[in-house]
């Protein structure tokens, strides 16, 4: 499974960005899809997930500001980030778990920088 993330960049506080991640390779269907992030000098942390049924889960710090969505036909997961704060600055990683595979696959990461 290969993941290609895009959409990172530099934005001012209060602005918006949309991240996308496309999965390709040998798999039938994708189960859970999600996003994690790693702020500078910190450990990787959970941001949001969405399962095959469309149920979502968010970290408290991004709830009501970020929205995760998926397109099953295109095997993509997106993260709409609004009202961005400097503390949202991080490398954002997408992750997917195919059905029938006991493993998660990670993208290469895309940098989001929010200036104050």
PDB file of N, CA and C in Angstrom:
ATOM      1  N   UNK A   1       0.853  -1.184   0.000  1.00  0.00           N
ATOM      2  CA  UNK A   1       0.000   0.000   0.000  1.00  0.00           C
ATOM      3  C   UNK A   1       0.890   1.234   0.000  1.00  0.00           C
ATOM      4  N   UNK A   2       0.627   2.136  -0.914  1.00  0.00           N
ATOM      5  CA  UNK A   2       1.370   3.392  -0.976  1.00  0.00           C
ATOM      6  C   UNK A   2       0.401   4.548  -0.719  1.00  0.00           C
ATOM      7  N   UNK A   3       0.888   5.524   0.038  1.00  0.00           N
ATOM      8  CA  UNK A   3       0.084   6.682   0.381  1.00  0.00           C
ATOM      9  C   UNK A   3       0.793   7.942  -0.090  1.00  0.00           C
ATOM     10  N   UNK A   4       0.047   8.825  -0.718  1.00  0.00           N
ATOM     11  CA  UNK A   4       0.582  10.092  -1.192  1.00  0.00           C
ATOM     12  C   UNK A   4      -0.235  11.222  -0.607  1.00  0.00           C
ATOM     13  N   UNK A   5       0.389  11.971   0.282  1.00  0.00           N
ATOM     14  CA  UNK A   5      -0.293  13.095   0.932  1.00  0.00           C
ATOM     15  C   UNK A   5       0.054  14.398   0.240  1.00  0.00           C
ATOM     16  N   UNK A   6      -0.878  15.328   0.299  1.00  0.00           N
ATOM     17  CA  UNK A   6      -0.650  16.644  -0.287  1.00  0.00           C
ATOM     18  C   UNK A   6      -1.473  17.680   0.455  1.00  0.00           C
ATOM     19  N   UNK A   7      -1.148  18.952   0.212  1.00  0.00           N
ATOM     20  CA  UNK A   7      -1.952  20.027   0.760  1.00  0.00           C
ATOM     21  C   UNK A   7      -1.330  20.806   1.892  1.00  0.00           C
ATOM     22  N   UNK A   8      -0.172  20.394   2.372  1.00  0.00           N
ATOM     23  CA  UNK A   8       0.460  21.150   3.442  1.00  0.00           C
ATOM     24  C   UNK A   8       0.988  22.480   2.947  1.00  0.00           C
ATOM     25  N   UNK A   9       1.414  23.317   3.890  1.00  0.00           N
ATOM     26  CA  UNK A   9       1.964  24.602   3.522  1.00  0.00           C
ATOM     27  C   UNK A   9       1.983  25.560   4.678  1.00  0.00           C
ATOM     28  N   UNK A  10       2.181  26.830   4.344  1.00  0.00           N
ATOM     29  CA  UNK A  10       2.256  27.892   5.341  1.00  0.00           C
ATOM     30  C   UNK A  10       0.963  28.699   5.301  1.00  0.00           C
ATOM     31  N   UNK A  11       0.401  28.947   6.476  1.00  0.00           N
ATOM     32  CA  UNK A  11      -0.841  29.700   6.561  1.00  0.00           C
ATOM     33  C   UNK A  11      -0.810  30.541   7.827  1.00  0.00           C
ATOM     34  N   UNK A  12      -1.491  31.674   7.790  1.00  0.00           N
ATOM     35  CA  UNK A  12      -1.579  32.504   8.978  1.00  0.00           C
ATOM     36  C   UNK A  12      -2.605  31.950   9.953  1.00  0.00           C
ATOM     37  N   UNK A  13      -2.430  32.276  11.212  1.00  0.00           N
ATOM     38  CA  UNK A  13      -3.396  31.861  12.227  1.00  0.00           C
ATOM     39  C   UNK A  13      -4.795  32.347  11.840  1.00  0.00           C
ATOM     40  N   UNK A  14      -5.760  31.458  12.025  1.00  0.00           N
ATOM     41  CA  UNK A  14      -7.127  31.756  11.641  1.00  0.00           C
ATOM     42  C   UNK A  14      -7.475  31.288  10.245  1.00  0.00           C
ATOM     43  N   UNK A  15      -6.477  30.892   9.492  1.00  0.00           N
ATOM     44  CA  UNK A  15      -6.690  30.446   8.125  1.00  0.00           C
ATOM     45  C   UNK A  15      -7.084  28.987   8.030  1.00  0.00           C
ATOM     46  N   UNK A  16      -7.155  28.512   6.791  1.00  0.00           N
ATOM     47  CA  UNK A  16      -7.597  27.146   6.523  1.00  0.00           C
ATOM     48  C   UNK A  16      -6.642  26.455   5.554  1.00  0.00           C
ATOM     49  N   UNK A  17      -6.574  25.147   5.700  1.00  0.00           N
ATOM     50  CA  UNK A  17      -5.859  24.288   4.764  1.00  0.00           C
ATOM     51  C   UNK A  17      -6.635  22.988   4.627  1.00  0.00           C
ATOM     52  N   UNK A  18      -6.456  22.344   3.481  1.00  0.00           N
ATOM     53  CA  UNK A  18      -7.072  21.041   3.274  1.00  0.00           C
ATOM     54  C   UNK A  18      -5.994  20.050   2.878  1.00  0.00           C
ATOM     55  N   UNK A  19      -5.868  18.997   3.649  1.00  0.00           N
ATOM     56  CA  UNK A  19      -4.929  17.927   3.352  1.00  0.00           C
ATOM     57  C   UNK A  19      -5.672  16.780   2.676  1.00  0.00           C
ATOM     58  N   UNK A  20      -5.000  16.137   1.744  1.00  0.00           N
ATOM     59  CA  UNK A  20      -5.556  14.963   1.087  1.00  0.00           C
ATOM     60  C   UNK A  20      -4.518  13.858   1.056  1.00  0.00           C
ATOM     61  N   UNK A  21      -4.991  12.629   1.027  1.00  0.00           N
ATOM     62  CA  UNK A  21      -4.094  11.481   0.992  1.00  0.00           C
ATOM     63  C   UNK A  21      -4.739  10.410   0.132  1.00  0.00           C
ATOM     64  N   UNK A  22      -4.022   9.967  -0.883  1.00  0.00           N
ATOM     65  CA  UNK A  22      -4.521   8.948  -1.794  1.00  0.00           C
ATOM     66  C   UNK A  22      -3.780   7.641  -1.574  1.00  0.00           C
ATOM     67  N   UNK A  23      -4.541   6.573  -1.455  1.00  0.00           N
ATOM     68  CA  UNK A  23      -3.963   5.244  -1.260  1.00  0.00           C
ATOM     69  C   UNK A  23      -4.006   4.452  -2.554  1.00  0.00           C
ATOM     70  N   UNK A  24      -2.939   3.739  -2.813  1.00  0.00           N
ATOM     71  CA  UNK A  24      -2.877   2.883  -3.995  1.00  0.00           C
ATOM     72  C   UNK A  24      -2.141   1.602  -3.644  1.00  0.00           C
ATOM     73  N   UNK A  25      -2.318   0.588  -4.494  1.00  0.00           N
ATOM     74  CA  UNK A  25      -1.637  -0.676  -4.251  1.00  0.00           C
ATOM     75  C   UNK A  25      -2.608  -1.842  -4.220  1.00  0.00           C
ATOM     76  N   UNK A  26      -2.148  -2.926  -3.626  1.00  0.00           N
ATOM     77  CA  UNK A  26      -2.921  -4.164  -3.621  1.00  0.00           C
ATOM     78  C   UNK A  26      -3.741  -4.288  -2.349  1.00  0.00           C
ATOM     79  N   UNK A  27      -4.963  -3.885  -2.427  1.00  0.00           N
ATOM     80  CA  UNK A  27      -5.902  -4.070  -1.333  1.00  0.00           C
ATOM     81  C   UNK A  27      -7.310  -4.027  -1.914  1.00  0.00           C
ATOM     82  N   UNK A  28      -8.235  -4.675  -1.209  1.00  0.00           N
ATOM     83  CA  UNK A  28      -9.610  -4.719  -1.676  1.00  0.00           C
ATOM     84  C   UNK A  28     -10.366  -3.460  -1.245  1.00  0.00           C
ATOM     85  N   UNK A  29     -10.427  -3.282   0.051  1.00  0.00           N
ATOM     86  CA  UNK A  29     -11.110  -2.110   0.592  1.00  0.00           C
ATOM     87  C   UNK A  29     -10.352  -1.619   1.808  1.00  0.00           C
ATOM     88  N   UNK A  30     -10.542  -0.348   2.103  1.00  0.00           N
ATOM     89  CA  UNK A  30      -9.891   0.247   3.256  1.00  0.00           C
ATOM     90  C   UNK A  30     -10.856   0.316   4.423  1.00  0.00           C
ATOM     91  N   UNK A  31     -10.387  -0.054   5.577  1.00  0.00           N
ATOM     92  CA  UNK A  31     -11.181   0.011   6.786  1.00  0.00           C
ATOM     93  C   UNK A  31     -11.005   1.404   7.382  1.00  0.00           C
ATOM     94  N   UNK A  32     -10.260   1.534   8.430  1.00  0.00           N
ATOM     95  CA  UNK A  32     -10.060   2.842   9.047  1.00  0.00           C
ATOM     96  C   UNK A  32      -9.051   3.674   8.266  1.00  0.00           C
ATOM     97  N   UNK A  33      -9.282   4.970   8.242  1.00  0.00           N
ATOM     98  CA  UNK A  33      -8.357   5.937   7.637  1.00  0.00           C
ATOM     99  C   UNK A  33      -8.232   7.089   8.623  1.00  0.00           C
ATOM    100  N   UNK A  34      -7.078   7.705   8.660  1.00  0.00           N
ATOM    101  CA  UNK A  34      -6.938   8.773   9.639  1.00  0.00           C
ATOM    102  C   UNK A  34      -5.728   9.646   9.439  1.00  0.00           C
ATOM    103  N   UNK A  35      -5.592  10.571  10.374  1.00  0.00           N
ATOM    104  CA  UNK A  35      -4.483  11.521  10.376  1.00  0.00           C
ATOM    105  C   UNK A  35      -3.871  11.599  11.768  1.00  0.00           C
ATOM    106  N   UNK A  36      -2.560  11.641  11.794  1.00  0.00           N
ATOM    107  CA  UNK A  36      -1.796  11.919  12.990  1.00  0.00           C
ATOM    108  C   UNK A  36      -0.878  13.096  12.668  1.00  0.00           C
ATOM    109  N   UNK A  37      -0.302  13.669  13.687  1.00  0.00           N
ATOM    110  CA  UNK A  37       0.639  14.762  13.461  1.00  0.00           C
ATOM    111  C   UNK A  37       1.769  14.712  14.476  1.00  0.00           C
ATOM    112  N   UNK A  38       2.901  15.294  14.106  1.00  0.00           N
ATOM    113  CA  UNK A  38       4.049  15.372  14.999  1.00  0.00           C
ATOM    114  C   UNK A  38       4.536  16.812  15.045  1.00  0.00           C
ATOM    115  N   UNK A  39       4.219  17.519  16.122  1.00  0.00           N
ATOM    116  CA  UNK A  39       4.708  18.892  16.270  1.00  0.00           C
ATOM    117  C   UNK A  39       6.222  18.902  16.451  1.00  0.00           C
ATOM    118  N   UNK A  40       6.877  20.015  16.181  1.00  0.00           N
ATOM    119  CA  UNK A  40       8.336  20.088  16.345  1.00  0.00           C
ATOM    120  C   UNK A  40       8.765  19.728  17.754  1.00  0.00           C
ATOM    121  N   UNK A  41       9.682  18.791  17.882  1.00  0.00           N
ATOM    122  CA  UNK A  41      10.220  18.413  19.173  1.00  0.00           C
ATOM    123  C   UNK A  41       9.303  17.579  20.041  1.00  0.00           C
ATOM    124  N   UNK A  42       8.175  17.133  19.481  1.00  0.00           N
ATOM    125  CA  UNK A  42       7.218  16.359  20.269  1.00  0.00           C
ATOM    126  C   UNK A  42       6.943  15.017  19.612  1.00  0.00           C
ATOM    127  N   UNK A  43       6.206  14.180  20.323  1.00  0.00           N
ATOM    128  CA  UNK A  43       5.864  12.871  19.796  1.00  0.00           C
ATOM    129  C   UNK A  43       4.657  12.967  18.854  1.00  0.00           C
ATOM    130  N   UNK A  44       4.529  11.962  18.026  1.00  0.00           N
ATOM    131  CA  UNK A  44       3.390  11.896  17.131  1.00  0.00           C
ATOM    132  C   UNK A  44       2.112  11.761  17.939  1.00  0.00           C
ATOM    133  N   UNK A  45       1.062  12.443  17.511  1.00  0.00           N
ATOM    134  CA  UNK A  45      -0.203  12.412  18.238  1.00  0.00           C
ATOM    135  C   UNK A  45      -1.383  12.217  17.291  1.00  0.00           C
ATOM    136  N   UNK A  46      -2.430  11.679  17.847  1.00  0.00           N
ATOM    137  CA  UNK A  46      -3.654  11.407  17.108  1.00  0.00           C
ATOM    138  C   UNK A  46      -4.366  12.709  16.752  1.00  0.00           C
ATOM    139  N   UNK A  47      -4.928  12.766  15.530  1.00  0.00           N
ATOM    140  CA  UNK A  47      -5.716  13.926  15.115  1.00  0.00           C
ATOM    141  C   UNK A  47      -7.166  13.513  14.859  1.00  0.00           C
ATOM    142  N   UNK A  48      -7.374  12.581  13.932  1.00  0.00           N
ATOM    143  CA  UNK A  48      -8.737  12.184  13.586  1.00  0.00           C
ATOM    144  C   UNK A  48      -8.727  10.869  12.836  1.00  0.00           C
ATOM    145  N   UNK A  49      -9.827  10.127  12.952  1.00  0.00           N
ATOM    146  CA  UNK A  49     -10.004   8.909  12.175  1.00  0.00           C
ATOM    147  C   UNK A  49     -11.427   8.845  11.639  1.00  0.00           C
ATOM    148  N   UNK A  50     -11.584   8.047  10.603  1.00  0.00           N
ATOM    149  CA  UNK A  50     -12.904   7.781  10.031  1.00  0.00           C
ATOM    150  C   UNK A  50     -12.931   6.314   9.618  1.00  0.00           C
ATOM    151  N   UNK A  51     -13.997   5.594  10.000  1.00  0.00           N
ATOM    152  CA  UNK A  51     -14.049   4.184   9.648  1.00  0.00           C
ATOM    153  C   UNK A  51     -14.821   3.986   8.346  1.00  0.00           C
ATOM    154  N   UNK A  52     -14.958   2.746   7.948  1.00  0.00           N
ATOM    155  CA  UNK A  52     -15.580   2.448   6.661  1.00  0.00           C
ATOM    156  C   UNK A  52     -17.047   2.857   6.620  1.00  0.00           C
ATOM    157  N   UNK A  53     -17.652   2.953   7.797  1.00  0.00           N
ATOM    158  CA  UNK A  53     -19.049   3.366   7.855  1.00  0.00           C
ATOM    159  C   UNK A  53     -19.240   4.862   7.948  1.00  0.00           C
ATOM    160  N   UNK A  54     -18.134   5.596   7.989  1.00  0.00           N
ATOM    161  CA  UNK A  54     -18.213   7.046   8.063  1.00  0.00           C
ATOM    162  C   UNK A  54     -18.209   7.617   9.462  1.00  0.00           C
ATOM    163  N   UNK A  55     -18.085   6.774  10.466  1.00  0.00           N
ATOM    164  CA  UNK A  55     -17.999   7.272  11.841  1.00  0.00           C
ATOM    165  C   UNK A  55     -16.649   7.943  12.062  1.00  0.00           C
ATOM    166  N   UNK A  56     -16.670   9.084  12.718  1.00  0.00           N
ATOM    167  CA  UNK A  56     -15.455   9.866  12.911  1.00  0.00           C
ATOM    168  C   UNK A  56     -15.106  10.004  14.385  1.00  0.00           C
ATOM    169  N   UNK A  57     -13.831  10.268  14.619  1.00  0.00           N
ATOM    170  CA  UNK A  57     -13.338  10.489  15.959  1.00  0.00           C
ATOM    171  C   UNK A  57     -12.247  11.549  15.873  1.00  0.00           C
ATOM    172  N   UNK A  58     -12.262  12.500  16.801  1.00  0.00           N
ATOM    173  CA  UNK A  58     -11.329  13.617  16.754  1.00  0.00           C
ATOM    174  C   UNK A  58     -10.607  13.793  18.081  1.00  0.00           C
ATOM    175  N   UNK A  59      -9.395  14.288  18.002  1.00  0.00           N
ATOM    176  CA  UNK A  59      -8.711  14.728  19.208  1.00  0.00           C
ATOM    177  C   UNK A  59      -9.433  15.959  19.737  1.00  0.00           C
ATOM    178  N   UNK A  60      -9.433  16.111  21.034  1.00  0.00           N
ATOM    179  CA  UNK A  60     -10.155  17.229  21.637  1.00  0.00           C
ATOM    180  C   UNK A  60      -9.622  18.566  21.116  1.00  0.00           C
ATOM    181  N   UNK A  61      -8.320  18.630  20.871  1.00  0.00           N
ATOM    182  CA  UNK A  61      -7.695  19.894  20.482  1.00  0.00           C
ATOM    183  C   UNK A  61      -8.126  20.372  19.087  1.00  0.00           C
ATOM    184  N   UNK A  62      -8.668  19.487  18.263  1.00  0.00           N
ATOM    185  CA  UNK A  62      -9.055  19.885  16.908  1.00  0.00           C
ATOM    186  C   UNK A  62     -10.554  19.785  16.671  1.00  0.00           C
ATOM    187  N   UNK A  63     -11.260  19.242  17.619  1.00  0.00           N
ATOM    188  CA  UNK A  63     -12.706  19.052  17.454  1.00  0.00           C
ATOM    189  C   UNK A  63     -13.373  20.391  17.194  1.00  0.00           C
ATOM    190  N   UNK A  64     -14.301  20.407  16.275  1.00  0.00           N
ATOM    191  CA  UNK A  64     -15.053  21.598  15.857  1.00  0.00           C
ATOM    192  C   UNK A  64     -14.248  22.531  14.976  1.00  0.00           C
ATOM    193  N   UNK A  65     -12.980  22.214  14.722  1.00  0.00           N
ATOM    194  CA  UNK A  65     -12.188  23.009  13.787  1.00  0.00           C
ATOM    195  C   UNK A  65     -11.780  22.199  12.562  1.00  0.00           C
ATOM    196  N   UNK A  66     -11.518  20.903  12.762  1.00  0.00           N
ATOM    197  CA  UNK A  66     -11.084  20.029  11.688  1.00  0.00           C
ATOM    198  C   UNK A  66     -12.222  19.075  11.322  1.00  0.00           C
ATOM    199  N   UNK A  67     -12.277  18.713  10.026  1.00  0.00           N
ATOM    200  CA  UNK A  67     -13.259  17.750   9.561  1.00  0.00           C
ATOM    201  C   UNK A  67     -12.566  16.717   8.676  1.00  0.00           C
ATOM    202  N   UNK A  68     -12.718  15.452   9.052  1.00  0.00           N
ATOM    203  CA  UNK A  68     -12.153  14.371   8.257  1.00  0.00           C
ATOM    204  C   UNK A  68     -13.247  13.791   7.362  1.00  0.00           C
ATOM    205  N   UNK A  69     -12.855  13.420   6.150  1.00  0.00           N
ATOM    206  CA  UNK A  69     -13.804  12.813   5.219  1.00  0.00           C
ATOM    207  C   UNK A  69     -13.049  11.815   4.343  1.00  0.00           C
ATOM    208  N   UNK A  70     -13.810  10.970   3.651  1.00  0.00           N
ATOM    209  CA  UNK A  70     -13.188   9.977   2.800  1.00  0.00           C
ATOM    210  C   UNK A  70     -14.006   9.790   1.534  1.00  0.00           C
ATOM    211  N   UNK A  71     -13.313   9.373   0.486  1.00  0.00           N
ATOM    212  CA  UNK A  71     -13.956   9.024  -0.775  1.00  0.00           C
ATOM    213  C   UNK A  71     -13.574   7.572  -1.050  1.00  0.00           C
ATOM    214  N   UNK A  72     -14.489   6.669  -0.826  1.00  0.00           N
ATOM    215  CA  UNK A  72     -14.170   5.253  -0.958  1.00  0.00           C
ATOM    216  C   UNK A  72     -13.896   4.855  -2.400  1.00  0.00           C
ATOM    217  N   UNK A  73     -14.534   5.518  -3.332  1.00  0.00           N
ATOM    218  CA  UNK A  73     -14.313   5.191  -4.747  1.00  0.00           C
ATOM    219  C   UNK A  73     -12.897   5.546  -5.184  1.00  0.00           C
ATOM    220  N   UNK A  74     -12.350   6.590  -4.594  1.00  0.00           N
ATOM    221  CA  UNK A  74     -11.006   7.037  -4.970  1.00  0.00           C
ATOM    222  C   UNK A  74      -9.949   6.662  -3.935  1.00  0.00           C
ATOM    223  N   UNK A  75     -10.380   5.995  -2.852  1.00  0.00           N
ATOM    224  CA  UNK A  75      -9.436   5.588  -1.799  1.00  0.00           C
ATOM    225  C   UNK A  75      -8.648   6.788  -1.265  1.00  0.00           C
ATOM    226  N   UNK A  76      -9.365   7.839  -0.979  1.00  0.00           N
ATOM    227  CA  UNK A  76      -8.724   9.036  -0.447  1.00  0.00           C
ATOM    228  C   UNK A  76      -9.339   9.426   0.900  1.00  0.00           C
ATOM    229  N   UNK A  77      -8.524  10.050   1.703  1.00  0.00           N
ATOM    230  CA  UNK A  77      -8.975  10.622   2.960  1.00  0.00           C
ATOM    231  C   UNK A  77      -8.497  12.065   2.999  1.00  0.00           C
ATOM    232  N   UNK A  78      -9.354  12.945   3.474  1.00  0.00           N
ATOM    233  CA  UNK A  78      -9.037  14.368   3.513  1.00  0.00           C
ATOM    234  C   UNK A  78      -9.228  14.915   4.915  1.00  0.00           C
ATOM    235  N   UNK A  79      -8.546  16.015   5.170  1.00  0.00           N
ATOM    236  CA  UNK A  79      -8.673  16.687   6.462  1.00  0.00           C
ATOM    237  C   UNK A  79      -8.819  18.178   6.181  1.00  0.00           C
ATOM    238  N   UNK A  80     -10.004  18.696   6.401  1.00  0.00           N
ATOM    239  CA  UNK A  80     -10.256  20.131   6.264  1.00  0.00           C
ATOM    240  C   UNK A  80      -9.936  20.781   7.606  1.00  0.00           C
ATOM    241  N   UNK A  81      -8.989  21.699   7.592  1.00  0.00           N
ATOM    242  CA  UNK A  81      -8.537  22.334   8.830  1.00  0.00           C
ATOM    243  C   UNK A  81      -8.891  23.813   8.784  1.00  0.00           C
ATOM    244  N   UNK A  82      -9.761  24.225   9.681  1.00  0.00           N
ATOM    245  CA  UNK A  82     -10.184  25.624   9.766  1.00  0.00           C
ATOM    246  C   UNK A  82      -9.721  26.228  11.086  1.00  0.00           C
ATOM    247  N   UNK A  83      -9.753  27.544  11.149  1.00  0.00           N
ATOM    248  CA  UNK A  83      -9.376  28.267  12.378  1.00  0.00           C
ATOM    249  C   UNK A  83      -8.041  27.762  12.911  1.00  0.00           C
ATOM    250  N   UNK A  84      -7.078  27.657  12.038  1.00  0.00           N
ATOM    251  CA  UNK A  84      -5.784  27.100  12.421  1.00  0.00           C
ATOM    252  C   UNK A  84      -5.076  27.977  13.445  1.00  0.00           C
ATOM    253  N   UNK A  85      -4.347  27.314  14.328  1.00  0.00           N
ATOM    254  CA  UNK A  85      -3.609  27.972  15.398  1.00  0.00           C
ATOM    255  C   UNK A  85      -2.116  27.631  15.251  1.00  0.00           C
ATOM    256  N   UNK A  86      -1.251  28.470  15.790  1.00  0.00           N
ATOM    257  CA  UNK A  86       0.181  28.146  15.723  1.00  0.00           C
ATOM    258  C   UNK A  86       0.501  26.773  16.299  1.00  0.00           C
ATOM    259  N   UNK A  87      -0.236  26.339  17.308  1.00  0.00           N
ATOM    260  CA  UNK A  87       0.025  25.023  17.898  1.00  0.00           C
ATOM    261  C   UNK A  87      -0.411  23.865  17.011  1.00  0.00           C
ATOM    262  N   UNK A  88      -1.049  24.156  15.881  1.00  0.00           N
ATOM    263  CA  UNK A  88      -1.354  23.119  14.904  1.00  0.00           C
ATOM    264  C   UNK A  88      -0.161  22.836  13.988  1.00  0.00           C
ATOM    265  N   UNK A  89       0.891  23.634  14.109  1.00  0.00           N
ATOM    266  CA  UNK A  89       2.092  23.422  13.308  1.00  0.00           C
ATOM    267  C   UNK A  89       2.665  22.041  13.580  1.00  0.00           C
ATOM    268  N   UNK A  90       2.840  21.263  12.521  1.00  0.00           N
ATOM    269  CA  UNK A  90       3.306  19.887  12.670  1.00  0.00           C
ATOM    270  C   UNK A  90       3.486  19.257  11.299  1.00  0.00           C
ATOM    271  N   UNK A  91       4.137  18.114  11.294  1.00  0.00           N
ATOM    272  CA  UNK A  91       4.102  17.252  10.114  1.00  0.00           C
ATOM    273  C   UNK A  91       2.888  16.349  10.273  1.00  0.00           C
ATOM    274  N   UNK A  92       2.027  16.343   9.276  1.00  0.00           N
ATOM    275  CA  UNK A  92       0.798  15.568   9.323  1.00  0.00           C
ATOM    276  C   UNK A  92       0.969  14.295   8.494  1.00  0.00           C
ATOM    277  N   UNK A  93       0.590  13.175   9.106  1.00  0.00           N
ATOM    278  CA  UNK A  93       0.714  11.875   8.475  1.00  0.00           C
ATOM    279  C   UNK A  93      -0.657  11.249   8.285  1.00  0.00           C
ATOM    280  N   UNK A  94      -0.904  10.716   7.107  1.00  0.00           N
ATOM    281  CA  UNK A  94      -2.111   9.928   6.919  1.00  0.00           C
ATOM    282  C   UNK A  94      -1.786   8.464   7.196  1.00  0.00           C
ATOM    283  N   UNK A  95      -2.797   7.732   7.607  1.00  0.00           N
ATOM    284  CA  UNK A  95      -2.638   6.317   7.931  1.00  0.00           C
ATOM    285  C   UNK A  95      -3.899   5.580   7.492  1.00  0.00           C
ATOM    286  N   UNK A  96      -3.720   4.387   6.946  1.00  0.00           N
ATOM    287  CA  UNK A  96      -4.858   3.577   6.528  1.00  0.00           C
ATOM    288  C   UNK A  96      -4.667   2.146   6.991  1.00  0.00           C
ATOM    289  N   UNK A  97      -5.791   1.451   7.156  1.00  0.00           N
ATOM    290  CA  UNK A  97      -5.774   0.044   7.516  1.00  0.00           C
ATOM    291  C   UNK A  97      -6.700  -0.694   6.564  1.00  0.00           C
ATOM    292  N   UNK A  98      -6.132  -1.479   5.656  1.00  0.00           N
ATOM    293  CA  UNK A  98      -6.991  -2.242   4.741  1.00  0.00           C
ATOM    294  C   UNK A  98      -7.722  -3.359   5.476  1.00  0.00           C
ATOM    295  N   UNK A  99      -8.876  -3.751   4.978  1.00  0.00           N
ATOM    296  CA  UNK A  99      -9.569  -4.923   5.502  1.00  0.00           C
ATOM    297  C   UNK A  99      -8.709  -6.160   5.248  1.00  0.00           C
ATOM    298  N   UNK A 100      -8.708  -7.047   6.232  1.00  0.00           N
ATOM    299  CA  UNK A 100      -8.013  -8.314   6.073  1.00  0.00           C
ATOM    300  C   UNK A 100      -6.507  -8.241   6.216  1.00  0.00           C
ATOM    301  N   UNK A 101      -6.009  -7.072   6.586  1.00  0.00           N
ATOM    302  CA  UNK A 101      -4.564  -6.908   6.765  1.00  0.00           C
ATOM    303  C   UNK A 101      -4.324  -6.410   8.179  1.00  0.00           C
ATOM    304  N   UNK A 102      -3.543  -7.107   8.915  1.00  0.00           N
ATOM    305  CA  UNK A 102      -3.318  -6.698  10.296  1.00  0.00           C
ATOM    306  C   UNK A 102      -2.212  -5.696  10.452  1.00  0.00           C
ATOM    307  N   UNK A 103      -2.282  -4.622   9.669  1.00  0.00           N
ATOM    308  CA  UNK A 103      -1.222  -3.622   9.729  1.00  0.00           C
ATOM    309  C   UNK A 103      -1.754  -2.275   9.270  1.00  0.00           C
ATOM    310  N   UNK A 104      -1.131  -1.242   9.775  1.00  0.00           N
ATOM    311  CA  UNK A 104      -1.412   0.122   9.334  1.00  0.00           C
ATOM    312  C   UNK A 104      -0.318   0.568   8.368  1.00  0.00           C
ATOM    313  N   UNK A 105      -0.699   1.387   7.415  1.00  0.00           N
ATOM    314  CA  UNK A 105       0.244   1.942   6.450  1.00  0.00           C
ATOM    315  C   UNK A 105       0.250   3.463   6.587  1.00  0.00           C
ATOM    316  N   UNK A 106       1.458   4.019   6.592  1.00  0.00           N
ATOM    317  CA  UNK A 106       1.631   5.450   6.844  1.00  0.00           C
ATOM    318  C   UNK A 106       2.143   6.167   5.609  1.00  0.00           C
ATOM    319  N   UNK A 107       1.664   7.398   5.441  1.00  0.00           N
ATOM    320  CA  UNK A 107       2.186   8.249   4.385  1.00  0.00           C
ATOM    321  C   UNK A 107       3.488   8.899   4.809  1.00  0.00           C
ATOM    322  N   UNK A 108       4.062   9.671   3.906  1.00  0.00           N
ATOM    323  CA  UNK A 108       5.392  10.243   4.156  1.00  0.00           C
ATOM    324  C   UNK A 108       5.336  11.514   4.989  1.00  0.00           C
ATOM    325  N   UNK A 109       4.169  12.054   5.174  1.00  0.00           N
ATOM    326  CA  UNK A 109       4.049  13.270   5.973  1.00  0.00           C
ATOM    327  C   UNK A 109       4.055  14.523   5.116  1.00  0.00           C
ATOM    328  N   UNK A 110       3.257  15.487   5.547  1.00  0.00           N
ATOM    329  CA  UNK A 110       3.216  16.784   4.873  1.00  0.00           C
ATOM    330  C   UNK A 110       3.247  17.873   5.944  1.00  0.00           C
ATOM    331  N   UNK A 111       4.073  18.886   5.735  1.00  0.00           N
ATOM    332  CA  UNK A 111       4.302  19.903   6.759  1.00  0.00           C
ATOM    333  C   UNK A 111       3.244  20.993   6.695  1.00  0.00           C
ATOM    334  N   UNK A 112       2.663  21.286   7.850  1.00  0.00           N
ATOM    335  CA  UNK A 112       1.741  22.401   8.013  1.00  0.00           C
ATOM    336  C   UNK A 112       2.368  23.379   8.994  1.00  0.00           C
ATOM    337  N   UNK A 113       2.529  24.615   8.566  1.00  0.00           N
ATOM    338  CA  UNK A 113       3.091  25.656   9.417  1.00  0.00           C
ATOM    339  C   UNK A 113       2.082  26.777   9.547  1.00  0.00           C
ATOM    340  N   UNK A 114       1.726  27.093  10.789  1.00  0.00           N
ATOM    341  CA  UNK A 114       0.768  28.157  11.061  1.00  0.00           C
ATOM    342  C   UNK A 114       1.505  29.286  11.756  1.00  0.00           C
ATOM    343  N   UNK A 115       1.543  30.444  11.115  1.00  0.00           N
ATOM    344  CA  UNK A 115       2.251  31.591  11.684  1.00  0.00           C
ATOM    345  C   UNK A 115       1.300  32.442  12.514  1.00  0.00           C
ATOM    346  N   UNK A 116       1.858  33.053  13.543  1.00  0.00           N
ATOM    347  CA  UNK A 116       1.019  33.880  14.431  1.00  0.00           C
ATOM    348  C   UNK A 116       0.947  35.317  13.952  1.00  0.00           C
TER     349      UNK A 116
END
